[in-house]
Amino acid sequence: MDRRSAHCNTELGLIVDSPALAGELADLIQRVRMPASFSVSETAARRGGLQWSFLRDGRRWVLHREPESNWAQRLRWSMLSLLVDEDFL
C-alpha cells in the first residue's frame, strides 16, 4: 500500500483474525491500490533509461515515461538532477 510519498512514511501493517474480512480487505487493496503500484527497472534499449511495469487485469504493462507525472514535473526533476545529488531528490 506504499504510494511512495515523499512527505511521510506510509508503511503500516494489519493483522485480521477473520478469513472473510481478510479476503474482502485483500480484494479491496487489489482493486484500489495495486493499479498504482509500479516496478521500476533499467531499459536495455536506452543507456540510463528507466521503465515502469505493472499488472492490470492479469496482463503486464510497461511504460517508458514515469506514470502519474507530467512534462513540467519531468523537466523540473531533470534540471534539479544537474544540480543536486540524486540521493537528495
PDB file of N, CA and C in Angstrom:
ATOM      1  N   MET A   1       0.811  -1.194   0.000  1.00  0.00           N
ATOM      2  CA  MET A   1       0.000   0.000   0.000  1.00  0.00           C
ATOM      3  C   MET A   1       0.856   1.260   0.000  1.00  0.00           C
ATOM      4  N   ASP A   2       2.145   1.117  -0.289  1.00  0.00           N
ATOM      5  CA  ASP A   2       3.069   2.254  -0.277  1.00  0.00           C
ATOM      6  C   ASP A   2       2.882   3.092  -1.537  1.00  0.00           C
ATOM      7  N   ARG A   3       2.479   4.342  -1.406  1.00  0.00           N
ATOM      8  CA  ARG A   3       2.295   5.237  -2.553  1.00  0.00           C
ATOM      9  C   ARG A   3       3.556   6.061  -2.821  1.00  0.00           C
ATOM     10  N   ARG A   4       4.675   5.694  -2.187  1.00  0.00           N
ATOM     11  CA  ARG A   4       5.947   6.391  -2.385  1.00  0.00           C
ATOM     12  C   ARG A   4       5.835   7.873  -2.083  1.00  0.00           C
ATOM     13  N   SER A   5       5.185   8.178  -0.987  1.00  0.00           N
ATOM     14  CA  SER A   5       5.020   9.564  -0.583  1.00  0.00           C
ATOM     15  C   SER A   5       6.362  10.140  -0.182  1.00  0.00           C
ATOM     16  N   ALA A   6       6.650  11.309  -0.671  1.00  0.00           N
ATOM     17  CA  ALA A   6       7.907  11.971  -0.337  1.00  0.00           C
ATOM     18  C   ALA A   6       7.805  12.735   0.979  1.00  0.00           C
ATOM     19  N   HIS A   7       6.602  12.861   1.516  1.00  0.00           N
ATOM     20  CA  HIS A   7       6.417  13.709   2.694  1.00  0.00           C
ATOM     21  C   HIS A   7       6.234  12.953   3.991  1.00  0.00           C
ATOM     22  N   CYS A   8       5.912  11.681   3.944  1.00  0.00           N
ATOM     23  CA  CYS A   8       5.736  10.934   5.179  1.00  0.00           C
ATOM     24  C   CYS A   8       5.955   9.453   4.910  1.00  0.00           C
ATOM     25  N   ASN A   9       6.208   8.715   5.972  1.00  0.00           N
ATOM     26  CA  ASN A   9       6.385   7.280   5.887  1.00  0.00           C
ATOM     27  C   ASN A   9       5.003   6.636   5.876  1.00  0.00           C
ATOM     28  N   THR A  10       4.688   5.895   4.840  1.00  0.00           N
ATOM     29  CA  THR A  10       3.346   5.332   4.703  1.00  0.00           C
ATOM     30  C   THR A  10       3.295   3.839   4.994  1.00  0.00           C
ATOM     31  N   GLU A  11       4.353   3.285   5.568  1.00  0.00           N
ATOM     32  CA  GLU A  11       4.355   1.861   5.856  1.00  0.00           C
ATOM     33  C   GLU A  11       3.449   1.570   7.046  1.00  0.00           C
ATOM     34  N   LEU A  12       2.685   0.494   6.939  1.00  0.00           N
ATOM     35  CA  LEU A  12       1.827   0.092   8.037  1.00  0.00           C
ATOM     36  C   LEU A  12       1.552  -1.390   7.927  1.00  0.00           C
ATOM     37  N   GLY A  13       1.015  -1.979   8.987  1.00  0.00           N
ATOM     38  CA  GLY A  13       0.670  -3.392   8.996  1.00  0.00           C
ATOM     39  C   GLY A  13      -0.697  -3.585   9.603  1.00  0.00           C
ATOM     40  N   LEU A  14      -1.323  -4.718   9.271  1.00  0.00           N
ATOM     41  CA  LEU A  14      -2.650  -5.023   9.775  1.00  0.00           C
ATOM     42  C   LEU A  14      -2.779  -6.527   9.902  1.00  0.00           C
ATOM     43  N   ILE A  15      -3.212  -6.983  11.076  1.00  0.00           N
ATOM     44  CA  ILE A  15      -3.478  -8.403  11.297  1.00  0.00           C
ATOM     45  C   ILE A  15      -4.978  -8.560  11.441  1.00  0.00           C
ATOM     46  N   VAL A  16      -5.569  -9.442  10.623  1.00  0.00           N
ATOM     47  CA  VAL A  16      -7.010  -9.670  10.638  1.00  0.00           C
ATOM     48  C   VAL A  16      -7.253 -11.125  11.001  1.00  0.00           C
ATOM     49  N   ASP A  17      -8.020 -11.366  12.060  1.00  0.00           N
ATOM     50  CA  ASP A  17      -8.315 -12.720  12.517  1.00  0.00           C
ATOM     51  C   ASP A  17      -9.713 -13.136  12.052  1.00  0.00           C
ATOM     52  N   SER A  18      -9.979 -12.932  10.772  1.00  0.00           N
ATOM     53  CA  SER A  18     -11.260 -13.315  10.178  1.00  0.00           C
ATOM     54  C   SER A  18     -11.013 -13.593   8.698  1.00  0.00           C
ATOM     55  N   PRO A  19     -11.091 -14.848   8.278  1.00  0.00           N
ATOM     56  CA  PRO A  19     -10.837 -15.161   6.869  1.00  0.00           C
ATOM     57  C   PRO A  19     -11.739 -14.388   5.909  1.00  0.00           C
ATOM     58  N   ALA A  20     -13.006 -14.222   6.257  1.00  0.00           N
ATOM     59  CA  ALA A  20     -13.928 -13.500   5.369  1.00  0.00           C
ATOM     60  C   ALA A  20     -13.532 -12.032   5.255  1.00  0.00           C
ATOM     61  N   LEU A  21     -13.256 -11.390   6.396  1.00  0.00           N
ATOM     62  CA  LEU A  21     -12.872  -9.976   6.385  1.00  0.00           C
ATOM     63  C   LEU A  21     -11.509  -9.789   5.714  1.00  0.00           C
ATOM     64  N   ALA A  22     -10.587 -10.707   5.988  1.00  0.00           N
ATOM     65  CA  ALA A  22      -9.265 -10.625   5.358  1.00  0.00           C
ATOM     66  C   ALA A  22      -9.384 -10.744   3.835  1.00  0.00           C
ATOM     67  N   GLY A  23     -10.270 -11.625   3.360  1.00  0.00           N
ATOM     68  CA  GLY A  23     -10.476 -11.779   1.917  1.00  0.00           C
ATOM     69  C   GLY A  23     -11.056 -10.522   1.291  1.00  0.00           C
ATOM     70  N   GLU A  24     -12.029  -9.911   1.970  1.00  0.00           N
ATOM     71  CA  GLU A  24     -12.616  -8.669   1.458  1.00  0.00           C
ATOM     72  C   GLU A  24     -11.582  -7.549   1.437  1.00  0.00           C
ATOM     73  N   LEU A  25     -10.753  -7.479   2.486  1.00  0.00           N
ATOM     74  CA  LEU A  25      -9.718  -6.447   2.543  1.00  0.00           C
ATOM     75  C   LEU A  25      -8.683  -6.658   1.432  1.00  0.00           C
ATOM     76  N   ALA A  26      -8.300  -7.913   1.203  1.00  0.00           N
ATOM     77  CA  ALA A  26      -7.335  -8.206   0.134  1.00  0.00           C
ATOM     78  C   ALA A  26      -7.909  -7.818  -1.234  1.00  0.00           C
ATOM     79  N   ASP A  27      -9.178  -8.110  -1.461  1.00  0.00           N
ATOM     80  CA  ASP A  27      -9.828  -7.717  -2.718  1.00  0.00           C
ATOM     81  C   ASP A  27      -9.856  -6.206  -2.878  1.00  0.00           C
ATOM     82  N   LEU A  28     -10.172  -5.508  -1.806  1.00  0.00           N
ATOM     83  CA  LEU A  28     -10.217  -4.038  -1.842  1.00  0.00           C
ATOM     84  C   LEU A  28      -8.844  -3.460  -2.162  1.00  0.00           C
ATOM     85  N   ILE A  29      -7.813  -3.973  -1.509  1.00  0.00           N
ATOM     86  CA  ILE A  29      -6.452  -3.489  -1.765  1.00  0.00           C
ATOM     87  C   ILE A  29      -6.074  -3.759  -3.215  1.00  0.00           C
ATOM     88  N   GLN A  30      -6.400  -4.923  -3.710  1.00  0.00           N
ATOM     89  CA  GLN A  30      -6.082  -5.276  -5.103  1.00  0.00           C
ATOM     90  C   GLN A  30      -6.758  -4.324  -6.077  1.00  0.00           C
ATOM     91  N   ARG A  31      -8.037  -4.023  -5.848  1.00  0.00           N
ATOM     92  CA  ARG A  31      -8.785  -3.152  -6.759  1.00  0.00           C
ATOM     93  C   ARG A  31      -8.353  -1.702  -6.671  1.00  0.00           C
ATOM     94  N   VAL A  32      -8.128  -1.209  -5.468  1.00  0.00           N
ATOM     95  CA  VAL A  32      -7.906   0.224  -5.265  1.00  0.00           C
ATOM     96  C   VAL A  32      -6.439   0.615  -5.352  1.00  0.00           C
ATOM     97  N   ARG A  33      -5.569  -0.115  -4.724  1.00  0.00           N
ATOM     98  CA  ARG A  33      -4.180   0.318  -4.602  1.00  0.00           C
ATOM     99  C   ARG A  33      -3.229  -0.287  -5.623  1.00  0.00           C
ATOM    100  N   MET A  34      -3.425  -1.516  -5.995  1.00  0.00           N
ATOM    101  CA  MET A  34      -2.445  -2.186  -6.826  1.00  0.00           C
ATOM    102  C   MET A  34      -2.281  -1.589  -8.215  1.00  0.00           C
ATOM    103  N   PRO A  35      -3.324  -1.069  -8.866  1.00  0.00           N
ATOM    104  CA  PRO A  35      -3.074  -0.463 -10.171  1.00  0.00           C
ATOM    105  C   PRO A  35      -2.093   0.707 -10.108  1.00  0.00           C
ATOM    106  N   ALA A  36      -1.893   1.280  -8.936  1.00  0.00           N
ATOM    107  CA  ALA A  36      -0.990   2.409  -8.788  1.00  0.00           C
ATOM    108  C   ALA A  36       0.406   1.970  -8.318  1.00  0.00           C
ATOM    109  N   SER A  37       0.645   0.664  -8.224  1.00  0.00           N
ATOM    110  CA  SER A  37       1.943   0.155  -7.795  1.00  0.00           C
ATOM    111  C   SER A  37       2.754  -0.239  -9.022  1.00  0.00           C
ATOM    112  N   PHE A  38       3.981   0.266  -9.106  1.00  0.00           N
ATOM    113  CA  PHE A  38       4.819   0.031 -10.271  1.00  0.00           C
ATOM    114  C   PHE A  38       6.145  -0.567  -9.850  1.00  0.00           C
ATOM    115  N   SER A  39       6.716  -1.342 -10.728  1.00  0.00           N
ATOM    116  CA  SER A  39       8.058  -1.868 -10.556  1.00  0.00           C
ATOM    117  C   SER A  39       8.955  -1.111 -11.533  1.00  0.00           C
ATOM    118  N   VAL A  40      10.054  -0.552 -11.044  1.00  0.00           N
ATOM    119  CA  VAL A  40      10.943   0.259 -11.879  1.00  0.00           C
ATOM    120  C   VAL A  40      12.210  -0.530 -12.183  1.00  0.00           C
ATOM    121  N   SER A  41      12.626  -0.522 -13.455  1.00  0.00           N
ATOM    122  CA  SER A  41      13.860  -1.195 -13.859  1.00  0.00           C
ATOM    123  C   SER A  41      14.525  -0.406 -14.977  1.00  0.00           C
ATOM    124  N   GLU A  42      15.805  -0.713 -15.209  1.00  0.00           N
ATOM    125  CA  GLU A  42      16.523  -0.058 -16.302  1.00  0.00           C
ATOM    126  C   GLU A  42      16.132  -0.704 -17.627  1.00  0.00           C
ATOM    127  N   THR A  43      16.106   0.096 -18.673  1.00  0.00           N
ATOM    128  CA  THR A  43      15.821  -0.451 -20.003  1.00  0.00           C
ATOM    129  C   THR A  43      17.122  -0.864 -20.662  1.00  0.00           C
ATOM    130  N   ALA A  44      17.050  -1.938 -21.413  1.00  0.00           N
ATOM    131  CA  ALA A  44      18.233  -2.403 -22.146  1.00  0.00           C
ATOM    132  C   ALA A  44      18.454  -1.546 -23.383  1.00  0.00           C
ATOM    133  N   ALA A  45      17.373  -0.990 -23.930  1.00  0.00           N
ATOM    134  CA  ALA A  45      17.457  -0.240 -25.183  1.00  0.00           C
ATOM    135  C   ALA A  45      18.153   1.113 -25.015  1.00  0.00           C
ATOM    136  N   ARG A  46      17.897   1.801 -23.904  1.00  0.00           N
ATOM    137  CA  ARG A  46      18.474   3.134 -23.706  1.00  0.00           C
ATOM    138  C   ARG A  46      19.370   3.123 -22.482  1.00  0.00           C
ATOM    139  N   ARG A  47      20.594   3.563 -22.640  1.00  0.00           N
ATOM    140  CA  ARG A  47      21.534   3.624 -21.526  1.00  0.00           C
ATOM    141  C   ARG A  47      21.026   4.611 -20.489  1.00  0.00           C
ATOM    142  N   GLY A  48      20.861   4.145 -19.268  1.00  0.00           N
ATOM    143  CA  GLY A  48      20.406   5.008 -18.191  1.00  0.00           C
ATOM    144  C   GLY A  48      18.908   5.245 -18.188  1.00  0.00           C
ATOM    145  N   GLY A  49      18.187   4.637 -19.139  1.00  0.00           N
ATOM    146  CA  GLY A  49      16.741   4.817 -19.202  1.00  0.00           C
ATOM    147  C   GLY A  49      16.019   3.902 -18.223  1.00  0.00           C
ATOM    148  N   LEU A  50      14.833   4.302 -17.843  1.00  0.00           N
ATOM    149  CA  LEU A  50      14.030   3.518 -16.917  1.00  0.00           C
ATOM    150  C   LEU A  50      12.720   3.117 -17.565  1.00  0.00           C
ATOM    151  N   GLN A  51      12.138   2.041 -17.034  1.00  0.00           N
ATOM    152  CA  GLN A  51      10.801   1.648 -17.452  1.00  0.00           C
ATOM    153  C   GLN A  51      10.003   1.258 -16.209  1.00  0.00           C
ATOM    154  N   TRP A  52       8.710   1.496 -16.255  1.00  0.00           N
ATOM    155  CA  TRP A  52       7.800   1.217 -15.154  1.00  0.00           C
ATOM    156  C   TRP A  52       6.855   0.128 -15.615  1.00  0.00           C
ATOM    157  N   SER A  53       6.749  -0.970 -14.853  1.00  0.00           N
ATOM    158  CA  SER A  53       5.837  -2.047 -15.234  1.00  0.00           C
ATOM    159  C   SER A  53       4.838  -2.291 -14.115  1.00  0.00           C
ATOM    160  N   PHE A  54       3.665  -2.791 -14.509  1.00  0.00           N
ATOM    161  CA  PHE A  54       2.611  -3.082 -13.543  1.00  0.00           C
ATOM    162  C   PHE A  54       1.665  -4.119 -14.135  1.00  0.00           C
ATOM    163  N   LEU A  55       0.906  -4.767 -13.267  1.00  0.00           N
ATOM    164  CA  LEU A  55      -0.088  -5.740 -13.691  1.00  0.00           C
ATOM    165  C   LEU A  55      -1.467  -5.111 -13.627  1.00  0.00           C
ATOM    166  N   ARG A  56      -2.249  -5.323 -14.664  1.00  0.00           N
ATOM    167  CA  ARG A  56      -3.638  -4.885 -14.665  1.00  0.00           C
ATOM    168  C   ARG A  56      -4.446  -5.915 -15.448  1.00  0.00           C
ATOM    169  N   ASP A  57      -5.489  -6.414 -14.816  1.00  0.00           N
ATOM    170  CA  ASP A  57      -6.358  -7.428 -15.433  1.00  0.00           C
ATOM    171  C   ASP A  57      -5.560  -8.640 -15.910  1.00  0.00           C
ATOM    172  N   GLY A  58      -4.559  -9.051 -15.124  1.00  0.00           N
ATOM    173  CA  GLY A  58      -3.769 -10.228 -15.451  1.00  0.00           C
ATOM    174  C   GLY A  58      -2.742 -10.030 -16.551  1.00  0.00           C
ATOM    175  N   ARG A  59      -2.588  -8.817 -17.040  1.00  0.00           N
ATOM    176  CA  ARG A  59      -1.640  -8.528 -18.127  1.00  0.00           C
ATOM    177  C   ARG A  59      -0.574  -7.557 -17.635  1.00  0.00           C
ATOM    178  N   ARG A  60       0.685  -7.804 -18.023  1.00  0.00           N
ATOM    179  CA  ARG A  60       1.786  -6.916 -17.628  1.00  0.00           C
ATOM    180  C   ARG A  60       1.901  -5.777 -18.633  1.00  0.00           C
ATOM    181  N   TRP A  61       1.915  -4.548 -18.130  1.00  0.00           N
ATOM    182  CA  TRP A  61       2.052  -3.346 -18.945  1.00  0.00           C
ATOM    183  C   TRP A  61       3.406  -2.723 -18.649  1.00  0.00           C
ATOM    184  N   VAL A  62       4.029  -2.128 -19.654  1.00  0.00           N
ATOM    185  CA  VAL A  62       5.323  -1.458 -19.490  1.00  0.00           C
ATOM    186  C   VAL A  62       5.207  -0.040 -20.035  1.00  0.00           C
ATOM    187  N   LEU A  63       5.606   0.929 -19.204  1.00  0.00           N
ATOM    188  CA  LEU A  63       5.605   2.342 -19.596  1.00  0.00           C
ATOM    189  C   LEU A  63       7.038   2.832 -19.668  1.00  0.00           C
ATOM    190  N   HIS A  64       7.315   3.750 -20.596  1.00  0.00           N
ATOM    191  CA  HIS A  64       8.667   4.288 -20.738  1.00  0.00           C
ATOM    192  C   HIS A  64       8.766   5.727 -20.245  1.00  0.00           C
ATOM    193  N   ARG A  65       7.662   6.251 -19.738  1.00  0.00           N
ATOM    194  CA  ARG A  65       7.646   7.543 -19.044  1.00  0.00           C
ATOM    195  C   ARG A  65       7.102   7.313 -17.648  1.00  0.00           C
ATOM    196  N   GLU A  66       7.576   8.116 -16.713  1.00  0.00           N
ATOM    197  CA  GLU A  66       7.125   7.939 -15.339  1.00  0.00           C
ATOM    198  C   GLU A  66       5.617   8.162 -15.239  1.00  0.00           C
ATOM    199  N   PRO A  67       4.895   7.179 -14.699  1.00  0.00           N
ATOM    200  CA  PRO A  67       3.444   7.320 -14.598  1.00  0.00           C
ATOM    201  C   PRO A  67       3.043   8.392 -13.599  1.00  0.00           C
ATOM    202  N   GLU A  68       1.888   8.951 -13.814  1.00  0.00           N
ATOM    203  CA  GLU A  68       1.306   9.954 -12.928  1.00  0.00           C
ATOM    204  C   GLU A  68       2.213  11.186 -12.774  1.00  0.00           C
ATOM    205  N   SER A  69       2.950  11.514 -13.835  1.00  0.00           N
ATOM    206  CA  SER A  69       3.745  12.741 -13.847  1.00  0.00           C
ATOM    207  C   SER A  69       3.504  13.444 -15.180  1.00  0.00           C
ATOM    208  N   ASN A  70       3.715  14.748 -15.184  1.00  0.00           N
ATOM    209  CA  ASN A  70       3.515  15.486 -16.432  1.00  0.00           C
ATOM    210  C   ASN A  70       4.861  16.025 -16.919  1.00  0.00           C
ATOM    211  N   TRP A  71       4.855  16.663 -18.066  1.00  0.00           N
ATOM    212  CA  TRP A  71       6.117  17.127 -18.663  1.00  0.00           C
ATOM    213  C   TRP A  71       6.799  18.175 -17.789  1.00  0.00           C
ATOM    214  N   ALA A  72       6.031  19.012 -17.102  1.00  0.00           N
ATOM    215  CA  ALA A  72       6.629  20.050 -16.250  1.00  0.00           C
ATOM    216  C   ALA A  72       7.367  19.422 -15.061  1.00  0.00           C
ATOM    217  N   GLN A  73       6.792  18.392 -14.472  1.00  0.00           N
ATOM    218  CA  GLN A  73       7.459  17.704 -13.368  1.00  0.00           C
ATOM    219  C   GLN A  73       8.731  17.024 -13.845  1.00  0.00           C
ATOM    220  N   ARG A  74       8.669  16.363 -15.006  1.00  0.00           N
ATOM    221  CA  ARG A  74       9.860  15.692 -15.535  1.00  0.00           C
ATOM    222  C   ARG A  74      10.957  16.695 -15.864  1.00  0.00           C
ATOM    223  N   LEU A  75      10.593  17.861 -16.398  1.00  0.00           N
ATOM    224  CA  LEU A  75      11.568  18.906 -16.683  1.00  0.00           C
ATOM    225  C   LEU A  75      12.220  19.399 -15.394  1.00  0.00           C
ATOM    226  N   ARG A  76      11.402  19.635 -14.380  1.00  0.00           N
ATOM    227  CA  ARG A  76      11.926  20.102 -13.087  1.00  0.00           C
ATOM    228  C   ARG A  76      12.913  19.091 -12.504  1.00  0.00           C
ATOM    229  N   TRP A  77      12.547  17.791 -12.528  1.00  0.00           N
ATOM    230  CA  TRP A  77      13.440  16.769 -11.982  1.00  0.00           C
ATOM    231  C   TRP A  77      14.722  16.656 -12.803  1.00  0.00           C
ATOM    232  N   SER A  78      14.611  16.808 -14.113  1.00  0.00           N
ATOM    233  CA  SER A  78      15.804  16.754 -14.964  1.00  0.00           C
ATOM    234  C   SER A  78      16.751  17.904 -14.644  1.00  0.00           C
ATOM    235  N   MET A  79      16.197  19.093 -14.466  1.00  0.00           N
ATOM    236  CA  MET A  79      17.019  20.262 -14.143  1.00  0.00           C
ATOM    237  C   MET A  79      17.642  20.125 -12.749  1.00  0.00           C
ATOM    238  N   LEU A  80      16.846  19.684 -11.792  1.00  0.00           N
ATOM    239  CA  LEU A  80      17.370  19.504 -10.435  1.00  0.00           C
ATOM    240  C   LEU A  80      18.461  18.446 -10.379  1.00  0.00           C
ATOM    241  N   SER A  81      18.336  17.416 -11.207  1.00  0.00           N
ATOM    242  CA  SER A  81      19.329  16.343 -11.184  1.00  0.00           C
ATOM    243  C   SER A  81      20.700  16.827 -11.631  1.00  0.00           C
ATOM    244  N   LEU A  82      20.758  17.932 -12.359  1.00  0.00           N
ATOM    245  CA  LEU A  82      22.043  18.500 -12.772  1.00  0.00           C
ATOM    246  C   LEU A  82      22.730  19.213 -11.615  1.00  0.00           C
ATOM    247  N   LEU A  83      21.947  19.683 -10.638  1.00  0.00           N
ATOM    248  CA  LEU A  83      22.470  20.488  -9.549  1.00  0.00           C
ATOM    249  C   LEU A  83      22.551  19.769  -8.209  1.00  0.00           C
ATOM    250  N   VAL A  84      21.656  18.810  -7.999  1.00  0.00           N
ATOM    251  CA  VAL A  84      21.540  18.164  -6.694  1.00  0.00           C
ATOM    252  C   VAL A  84      21.854  16.685  -6.840  1.00  0.00           C
ATOM    253  N   ASP A  85      22.599  16.149  -5.865  1.00  0.00           N
ATOM    254  CA  ASP A  85      22.902  14.730  -5.851  1.00  0.00           C
ATOM    255  C   ASP A  85      21.593  13.938  -5.825  1.00  0.00           C
ATOM    256  N   GLU A  86      21.549  12.840  -6.576  1.00  0.00           N
ATOM    257  CA  GLU A  86      20.332  12.046  -6.689  1.00  0.00           C
ATOM    258  C   GLU A  86      19.786  11.570  -5.348  1.00  0.00           C
ATOM    259  N   ASP A  87      20.669  11.342  -4.374  1.00  0.00           N
ATOM    260  CA  ASP A  87      20.225  10.880  -3.054  1.00  0.00           C
ATOM    261  C   ASP A  87      19.356  11.920  -2.349  1.00  0.00           C
ATOM    262  N   PHE A  88      19.452  13.184  -2.736  1.00  0.00           N
ATOM    263  CA  PHE A  88      18.683  14.235  -2.102  1.00  0.00           C
ATOM    264  C   PHE A  88      17.408  14.585  -2.850  1.00  0.00           C
ATOM    265  N   LEU A  89      17.187  14.026  -4.043  1.00  0.00           N
ATOM    266  CA  LEU A  89      15.984  14.348  -4.825  1.00  0.00           C
ATOM    267  C   LEU A  89      14.770  13.622  -4.311  1.00  0.00           C
TER     268      LEU A  89
END
